[in-house]
Every structure is written in C-alpha cells, then in structure tokens.
Amino acid sequence: MWVWVFVGFTALWSVGNLVVAFVEPPRALAWMFPRRVAAFFAFVPSPFDRILGFSFNALAGFFLVYLLVRNQLPW
C-alpha cells in the first residue's frame, strides 16, 4: 500500500515540476539541478527552454514512477 502512496506523491510532485518548469524554466531548474544544467537552460532561446524543461521533467517523472511500479518497493 505504501508504494502507491509514494507513487501518487511522486506523480503529483512531477506534475508540479512540469507546471513550474513550463512557466519559468531557468529559475525552476536552478534549484533542482546542478549549476551547469541550469546555465544550459538559461542560455537556450525562449521557446526552446520551456520545451526542454517540460520534456526533461516529464521523462524524469514518468521514469521514476515506472521504476517504482515495476519494482514494487515495500515502502
């Protein structure tokens, strides 16, 4: 049961990160990733930084949820 609570929390967290990254990617990514990654997103032109931030957060969030569901962690 706890794995589903954690999966639900992780899904909500990833959706929240997607919204934050889509609205303002450089500031949103600055606290989540190392400075090199945040600097990369800061220098990307305007329409592409939102697309990259959205895609990266989506892949990271869905991959984490997939791993949790597949492995059925006991907590």
PDB file of N, CA and C in Angstrom:
ATOM      1  N   MET A   1       0.810  -1.196   0.000  1.00  0.00           N
ATOM      2  CA  MET A   1       0.000   0.000   0.000  1.00  0.00           C
ATOM      3  C   MET A   1       0.855   1.261   0.000  1.00  0.00           C
ATOM      4  N   TRP A   2       1.958   1.228   0.742  1.00  0.00           N
ATOM      5  CA  TRP A   2       2.791   2.421   0.828  1.00  0.00           C
ATOM      6  C   TRP A   2       3.422   2.780  -0.502  1.00  0.00           C
ATOM      7  N   VAL A   3       3.631   1.774  -1.347  1.00  0.00           N
ATOM      8  CA  VAL A   3       4.228   2.090  -2.645  1.00  0.00           C
ATOM      9  C   VAL A   3       3.275   2.944  -3.473  1.00  0.00           C
ATOM     10  N   TRP A   4       1.971   2.714  -3.348  1.00  0.00           N
ATOM     11  CA  TRP A   4       1.015   3.517  -4.117  1.00  0.00           C
ATOM     12  C   TRP A   4       0.919   4.932  -3.569  1.00  0.00           C
ATOM     13  N   VAL A   5       1.075   5.093  -2.260  1.00  0.00           N
ATOM     14  CA  VAL A   5       1.108   6.437  -1.686  1.00  0.00           C
ATOM     15  C   VAL A   5       2.327   7.183  -2.211  1.00  0.00           C
ATOM     16  N   PHE A   6       3.464   6.498  -2.246  1.00  0.00           N
ATOM     17  CA  PHE A   6       4.681   7.134  -2.737  1.00  0.00           C
ATOM     18  C   PHE A   6       4.590   7.429  -4.230  1.00  0.00           C
ATOM     19  N   VAL A   7       4.014   6.502  -4.989  1.00  0.00           N
ATOM     20  CA  VAL A   7       3.846   6.728  -6.428  1.00  0.00           C
ATOM     21  C   VAL A   7       2.908   7.911  -6.667  1.00  0.00           C
ATOM     22  N   GLY A   8       1.832   8.005  -5.905  1.00  0.00           N
ATOM     23  CA  GLY A   8       0.920   9.137  -6.053  1.00  0.00           C
ATOM     24  C   GLY A   8       1.588  10.455  -5.705  1.00  0.00           C
ATOM     25  N   PHE A   9       2.358  10.458  -4.613  1.00  0.00           N
ATOM     26  CA  PHE A   9       3.082  11.670  -4.233  1.00  0.00           C
ATOM     27  C   PHE A   9       4.091  12.049  -5.299  1.00  0.00           C
ATOM     28  N   THR A  10       4.814  11.065  -5.832  1.00  0.00           N
ATOM     29  CA  THR A  10       5.801  11.339  -6.871  1.00  0.00           C
ATOM     30  C   THR A  10       5.137  11.852  -8.140  1.00  0.00           C
ATOM     31  N   ALA A  11       3.981  11.305  -8.473  1.00  0.00           N
ATOM     32  CA  ALA A  11       3.265  11.777  -9.660  1.00  0.00           C
ATOM     33  C   ALA A  11       2.825  13.230  -9.482  1.00  0.00           C
ATOM     34  N   LEU A  12       2.293  13.564  -8.315  1.00  0.00           N
ATOM     35  CA  LEU A  12       1.903  14.954  -8.062  1.00  0.00           C
ATOM     36  C   LEU A  12       3.110  15.881  -8.083  1.00  0.00           C
ATOM     37  N   TRP A  13       4.216  15.413  -7.506  1.00  0.00           N
ATOM     38  CA  TRP A  13       5.441  16.214  -7.493  1.00  0.00           C
ATOM     39  C   TRP A  13       5.949  16.454  -8.907  1.00  0.00           C
ATOM     40  N   SER A  14       5.921  15.413  -9.749  1.00  0.00           N
ATOM     41  CA  SER A  14       6.414  15.584 -11.115  1.00  0.00           C
ATOM     42  C   SER A  14       5.488  16.486 -11.927  1.00  0.00           C
ATOM     43  N   VAL A  15       4.182  16.392 -11.703  1.00  0.00           N
ATOM     44  CA  VAL A  15       3.262  17.290 -12.408  1.00  0.00           C
ATOM     45  C   VAL A  15       3.487  18.731 -11.955  1.00  0.00           C
ATOM     46  N   GLY A  16       3.713  18.926 -10.667  1.00  0.00           N
ATOM     47  CA  GLY A  16       4.033  20.268 -10.180  1.00  0.00           C
ATOM     48  C   GLY A  16       5.313  20.802 -10.779  1.00  0.00           C
ATOM     49  N   ASN A  17       6.310  19.953 -10.894  1.00  0.00           N
ATOM     50  CA  ASN A  17       7.556  20.383 -11.523  1.00  0.00           C
ATOM     51  C   ASN A  17       7.368  20.692 -12.994  1.00  0.00           C
ATOM     52  N   LEU A  18       6.512  19.934 -13.655  1.00  0.00           N
ATOM     53  CA  LEU A  18       6.235  20.219 -15.059  1.00  0.00           C
ATOM     54  C   LEU A  18       5.595  21.594 -15.214  1.00  0.00           C
ATOM     55  N   VAL A  19       4.657  21.919 -14.350  1.00  0.00           N
ATOM     56  CA  VAL A  19       4.000  23.227 -14.434  1.00  0.00           C
ATOM     57  C   VAL A  19       4.998  24.339 -14.157  1.00  0.00           C
ATOM     58  N   VAL A  20       5.812  24.169 -13.112  1.00  0.00           N
ATOM     59  CA  VAL A  20       6.791  25.199 -12.768  1.00  0.00           C
ATOM     60  C   VAL A  20       7.822  25.343 -13.874  1.00  0.00           C
ATOM     61  N   ALA A  21       8.291  24.237 -14.439  1.00  0.00           N
ATOM     62  CA  ALA A  21       9.289  24.315 -15.499  1.00  0.00           C
ATOM     63  C   ALA A  21       8.700  24.897 -16.770  1.00  0.00           C
ATOM     64  N   PHE A  22       7.431  24.642 -17.014  1.00  0.00           N
ATOM     65  CA  PHE A  22       6.820  25.185 -18.224  1.00  0.00           C
ATOM     66  C   PHE A  22       6.593  26.684 -18.102  1.00  0.00           C
ATOM     67  N   VAL A  23       6.296  27.158 -16.889  1.00  0.00           N
ATOM     68  CA  VAL A  23       6.026  28.582 -16.703  1.00  0.00           C
ATOM     69  C   VAL A  23       7.321  29.378 -16.716  1.00  0.00           C
ATOM     70  N   GLU A  24       8.312  28.941 -15.963  1.00  0.00           N
ATOM     71  CA  GLU A  24       9.566  29.686 -15.889  1.00  0.00           C
ATOM     72  C   GLU A  24      10.725  28.707 -15.715  1.00  0.00           C
ATOM     73  N   PRO A  25      11.289  28.198 -16.792  1.00  0.00           N
ATOM     74  CA  PRO A  25      12.261  27.106 -16.698  1.00  0.00           C
ATOM     75  C   PRO A  25      13.577  27.425 -15.987  1.00  0.00           C
ATOM     76  N   PRO A  26      14.263  28.540 -16.272  1.00  0.00           N
ATOM     77  CA  PRO A  26      15.587  28.690 -15.646  1.00  0.00           C
ATOM     78  C   PRO A  26      15.530  28.729 -14.123  1.00  0.00           C
ATOM     79  N   ARG A  27      14.588  29.487 -13.556  1.00  0.00           N
ATOM     80  CA  ARG A  27      14.503  29.558 -12.099  1.00  0.00           C
ATOM     81  C   ARG A  27      14.030  28.235 -11.513  1.00  0.00           C
ATOM     82  N   ALA A  28      13.127  27.570 -12.205  1.00  0.00           N
ATOM     83  CA  ALA A  28      12.614  26.300 -11.706  1.00  0.00           C
ATOM     84  C   ALA A  28      13.683  25.223 -11.729  1.00  0.00           C
ATOM     85  N   LEU A  29      14.507  25.223 -12.751  1.00  0.00           N
ATOM     86  CA  LEU A  29      15.536  24.199 -12.854  1.00  0.00           C
ATOM     87  C   LEU A  29      16.763  24.511 -12.017  1.00  0.00           C
ATOM     88  N   ALA A  30      16.924  25.754 -11.599  1.00  0.00           N
ATOM     89  CA  ALA A  30      18.121  26.126 -10.850  1.00  0.00           C
ATOM     90  C   ALA A  30      18.193  25.414  -9.503  1.00  0.00           C
ATOM     91  N   TRP A  31      17.060  25.202  -8.842  1.00  0.00           N
ATOM     92  CA  TRP A  31      17.102  24.538  -7.534  1.00  0.00           C
ATOM     93  C   TRP A  31      17.016  23.028  -7.645  1.00  0.00           C
ATOM     94  N   MET A  32      16.698  22.505  -8.836  1.00  0.00           N
ATOM     95  CA  MET A  32      16.552  21.063  -8.998  1.00  0.00           C
ATOM     96  C   MET A  32      17.808  20.391  -9.534  1.00  0.00           C
ATOM     97  N   PHE A  33      18.611  21.121 -10.282  1.00  0.00           N
ATOM     98  CA  PHE A  33      19.726  20.513 -10.990  1.00  0.00           C
ATOM     99  C   PHE A  33      21.011  21.273 -10.698  1.00  0.00           C
ATOM    100  N   PRO A  34      22.152  20.686 -11.044  1.00  0.00           N
ATOM    101  CA  PRO A  34      23.424  21.389 -10.847  1.00  0.00           C
ATOM    102  C   PRO A  34      23.484  22.682 -11.658  1.00  0.00           C
ATOM    103  N   ARG A  35      24.455  23.506 -11.344  1.00  0.00           N
ATOM    104  CA  ARG A  35      24.559  24.815 -11.992  1.00  0.00           C
ATOM    105  C   ARG A  35      24.827  24.710 -13.484  1.00  0.00           C
ATOM    106  N   ARG A  36      25.545  23.702 -13.907  1.00  0.00           N
ATOM    107  CA  ARG A  36      25.828  23.567 -15.341  1.00  0.00           C
ATOM    108  C   ARG A  36      24.553  23.329 -16.130  1.00  0.00           C
ATOM    109  N   VAL A  37      23.680  22.500 -15.593  1.00  0.00           N
ATOM    110  CA  VAL A  37      22.417  22.226 -16.287  1.00  0.00           C
ATOM    111  C   VAL A  37      21.537  23.464 -16.270  1.00  0.00           C
ATOM    112  N   ALA A  38      21.476  24.156 -15.142  1.00  0.00           N
ATOM    113  CA  ALA A  38      20.672  25.377 -15.064  1.00  0.00           C
ATOM    114  C   ALA A  38      21.223  26.446 -16.002  1.00  0.00           C
ATOM    115  N   ALA A  39      22.552  26.540 -16.108  1.00  0.00           N
ATOM    116  CA  ALA A  39      23.151  27.512 -17.023  1.00  0.00           C
ATOM    117  C   ALA A  39      22.838  27.163 -18.471  1.00  0.00           C
ATOM    118  N   PHE A  40      22.803  25.873 -18.783  1.00  0.00           N
ATOM    119  CA  PHE A  40      22.451  25.468 -20.142  1.00  0.00           C
ATOM    120  C   PHE A  40      21.040  25.922 -20.487  1.00  0.00           C
ATOM    121  N   PHE A  41      20.105  25.720 -19.574  1.00  0.00           N
ATOM    122  CA  PHE A  41      18.731  26.125 -19.846  1.00  0.00           C
ATOM    123  C   PHE A  41      18.586  27.646 -19.850  1.00  0.00           C
ATOM    124  N   ALA A  42      19.455  28.358 -19.147  1.00  0.00           N
ATOM    125  CA  ALA A  42      19.364  29.816 -19.132  1.00  0.00           C
ATOM    126  C   ALA A  42      19.786  30.419 -20.466  1.00  0.00           C
ATOM    127  N   PHE A  43      20.675  29.743 -21.203  1.00  0.00           N
ATOM    128  CA  PHE A  43      21.165  30.284 -22.466  1.00  0.00           C
ATOM    129  C   PHE A  43      20.411  29.772 -23.686  1.00  0.00           C
ATOM    130  N   VAL A  44      19.449  28.897 -23.490  1.00  0.00           N
ATOM    131  CA  VAL A  44      18.647  28.397 -24.606  1.00  0.00           C
ATOM    132  C   VAL A  44      17.597  29.453 -24.947  1.00  0.00           C
ATOM    133  N   PRO A  45      17.324  29.683 -26.231  1.00  0.00           N
ATOM    134  CA  PRO A  45      16.319  30.696 -26.600  1.00  0.00           C
ATOM    135  C   PRO A  45      14.943  30.405 -25.997  1.00  0.00           C
ATOM    136  N   SER A  46      14.115  31.406 -25.973  1.00  0.00           N
ATOM    137  CA  SER A  46      12.872  31.386 -25.204  1.00  0.00           C
ATOM    138  C   SER A  46      11.912  30.239 -25.491  1.00  0.00           C
ATOM    139  N   PRO A  47      11.512  29.960 -26.716  1.00  0.00           N
ATOM    140  CA  PRO A  47      10.531  28.866 -26.835  1.00  0.00           C
ATOM    141  C   PRO A  47      11.124  27.497 -26.547  1.00  0.00           C
ATOM    142  N   PHE A  48      12.431  27.335 -26.755  1.00  0.00           N
ATOM    143  CA  PHE A  48      13.027  26.010 -26.622  1.00  0.00           C
ATOM    144  C   PHE A  48      13.345  25.654 -25.177  1.00  0.00           C
ATOM    145  N   ASP A  49      13.597  26.644 -24.323  1.00  0.00           N
ATOM    146  CA  ASP A  49      13.901  26.308 -22.930  1.00  0.00           C
ATOM    147  C   ASP A  49      12.674  25.744 -22.235  1.00  0.00           C
ATOM    148  N   ARG A  50      11.502  26.223 -22.563  1.00  0.00           N
ATOM    149  CA  ARG A  50      10.291  25.660 -21.964  1.00  0.00           C
ATOM    150  C   ARG A  50      10.041  24.251 -22.466  1.00  0.00           C
ATOM    151  N   ILE A  51      10.279  24.033 -23.746  1.00  0.00           N
ATOM    152  CA  ILE A  51      10.082  22.693 -24.301  1.00  0.00           C
ATOM    153  C   ILE A  51      11.078  21.716 -23.687  1.00  0.00           C
ATOM    154  N   LEU A  52      12.341  22.117 -23.568  1.00  0.00           N
ATOM    155  CA  LEU A  52      13.353  21.237 -22.973  1.00  0.00           C
ATOM    156  C   LEU A  52      13.060  20.970 -21.501  1.00  0.00           C
ATOM    157  N   GLY A  53      12.705  21.999 -20.759  1.00  0.00           N
ATOM    158  CA  GLY A  53      12.385  21.797 -19.347  1.00  0.00           C
ATOM    159  C   GLY A  53      11.169  20.912 -19.159  1.00  0.00           C
ATOM    160  N   PHE A  54      10.165  21.131 -19.961  1.00  0.00           N
ATOM    161  CA  PHE A  54       8.958  20.307 -19.900  1.00  0.00           C
ATOM    162  C   PHE A  54       9.275  18.855 -20.227  1.00  0.00           C
ATOM    163  N   SER A  55      10.040  18.639 -21.290  1.00  0.00           N
ATOM    164  CA  SER A  55      10.364  17.268 -21.708  1.00  0.00           C
ATOM    165  C   SER A  55      11.244  16.561 -20.679  1.00  0.00           C
ATOM    166  N   PHE A  56      12.236  17.272 -20.149  1.00  0.00           N
ATOM    167  CA  PHE A  56      13.153  16.654 -19.194  1.00  0.00           C
ATOM    168  C   PHE A  56      12.424  16.266 -17.917  1.00  0.00           C
ATOM    169  N   ASN A  57      11.578  17.148 -17.410  1.00  0.00           N
ATOM    170  CA  ASN A  57      10.820  16.824 -16.204  1.00  0.00           C
ATOM    171  C   ASN A  57       9.825  15.705 -16.447  1.00  0.00           C
ATOM    172  N   ALA A  58       9.223  15.707 -17.634  1.00  0.00           N
ATOM    173  CA  ALA A  58       8.272  14.641 -17.944  1.00  0.00           C
ATOM    174  C   ALA A  58       8.976  13.294 -17.988  1.00  0.00           C
ATOM    175  N   LEU A  59      10.121  13.230 -18.652  1.00  0.00           N
ATOM    176  CA  LEU A  59      10.855  11.962 -18.733  1.00  0.00           C
ATOM    177  C   LEU A  59      11.331  11.505 -17.362  1.00  0.00           C
ATOM    178  N   ALA A  60      11.858  12.432 -16.567  1.00  0.00           N
ATOM    179  CA  ALA A  60      12.345  12.056 -15.238  1.00  0.00           C
ATOM    180  C   ALA A  60      11.203  11.592 -14.341  1.00  0.00           C
ATOM    181  N   GLY A  61      10.096  12.304 -14.361  1.00  0.00           N
ATOM    182  CA  GLY A  61       8.965  11.928 -13.516  1.00  0.00           C
ATOM    183  C   GLY A  61       8.347  10.601 -13.907  1.00  0.00           C
ATOM    184  N   PHE A  62       8.114  10.399 -15.190  1.00  0.00           N
ATOM    185  CA  PHE A  62       7.496   9.149 -15.625  1.00  0.00           C
ATOM    186  C   PHE A  62       8.443   7.959 -15.471  1.00  0.00           C
ATOM    187  N   PHE A  63       9.754   8.187 -15.648  1.00  0.00           N
ATOM    188  CA  PHE A  63      10.710   7.101 -15.451  1.00  0.00           C
ATOM    189  C   PHE A  63      10.760   6.685 -13.987  1.00  0.00           C
ATOM    190  N   LEU A  64      10.697   7.649 -13.079  1.00  0.00           N
ATOM    191  CA  LEU A  64      10.700   7.323 -11.652  1.00  0.00           C
ATOM    192  C   LEU A  64       9.437   6.566 -11.266  1.00  0.00           C
ATOM    193  N   VAL A  65       8.293   7.005 -11.760  1.00  0.00           N
ATOM    194  CA  VAL A  65       7.047   6.294 -11.466  1.00  0.00           C
ATOM    195  C   VAL A  65       7.087   4.890 -12.047  1.00  0.00           C
ATOM    196  N   TYR A  66       7.632   4.737 -13.249  1.00  0.00           N
ATOM    197  CA  TYR A  66       7.746   3.411 -13.866  1.00  0.00           C
ATOM    198  C   TYR A  66       8.621   2.489 -13.022  1.00  0.00           C
ATOM    199  N   LEU A  67       9.751   3.001 -12.550  1.00  0.00           N
ATOM    200  CA  LEU A  67      10.624   2.169 -11.723  1.00  0.00           C
ATOM    201  C   LEU A  67       9.943   1.768 -10.421  1.00  0.00           C
ATOM    202  N   LEU A  68       9.220   2.683  -9.815  1.00  0.00           N
ATOM    203  CA  LEU A  68       8.542   2.360  -8.560  1.00  0.00           C
ATOM    204  C   LEU A  68       7.468   1.305  -8.763  1.00  0.00           C
ATOM    205  N   VAL A  69       6.695   1.440  -9.810  1.00  0.00           N
ATOM    206  CA  VAL A  69       5.630   0.467 -10.051  1.00  0.00           C
ATOM    207  C   VAL A  69       6.215  -0.881 -10.448  1.00  0.00           C
ATOM    208  N   ARG A  70       7.265  -0.861 -11.246  1.00  0.00           N
ATOM    209  CA  ARG A  70       7.850  -2.121 -11.714  1.00  0.00           C
ATOM    210  C   ARG A  70       8.511  -2.896 -10.581  1.00  0.00           C
ATOM    211  N   ASN A  71       9.216  -2.193  -9.716  1.00  0.00           N
ATOM    212  CA  ASN A  71       9.950  -2.871  -8.648  1.00  0.00           C
ATOM    213  C   ASN A  71       9.110  -3.104  -7.399  1.00  0.00           C
ATOM    214  N   GLN A  72       7.975  -2.438  -7.268  1.00  0.00           N
ATOM    215  CA  GLN A  72       7.092  -2.594  -6.111  1.00  0.00           C
ATOM    216  C   GLN A  72       7.864  -2.439  -4.798  1.00  0.00           C
ATOM    217  N   LEU A  73       8.416  -1.267  -4.611  1.00  0.00           N
ATOM    218  CA  LEU A  73       9.185  -1.018  -3.398  1.00  0.00           C
ATOM    219  C   LEU A  73       8.294  -1.176  -2.168  1.00  0.00           C
ATOM    220  N   PRO A  74       8.811  -1.776  -1.099  1.00  0.00           N
ATOM    221  CA  PRO A  74       7.966  -2.077   0.065  1.00  0.00           C
ATOM    222  C   PRO A  74       7.574  -0.858   0.887  1.00  0.00           C
ATOM    223  N   TRP A  75       8.168   0.290   0.666  1.00  0.00           N
ATOM    224  CA  TRP A  75       7.812   1.453   1.468  1.00  0.00           C
ATOM    225  C   TRP A  75       6.983   2.382   0.656  1.00  0.00           C
TER     226      TRP A  75
END
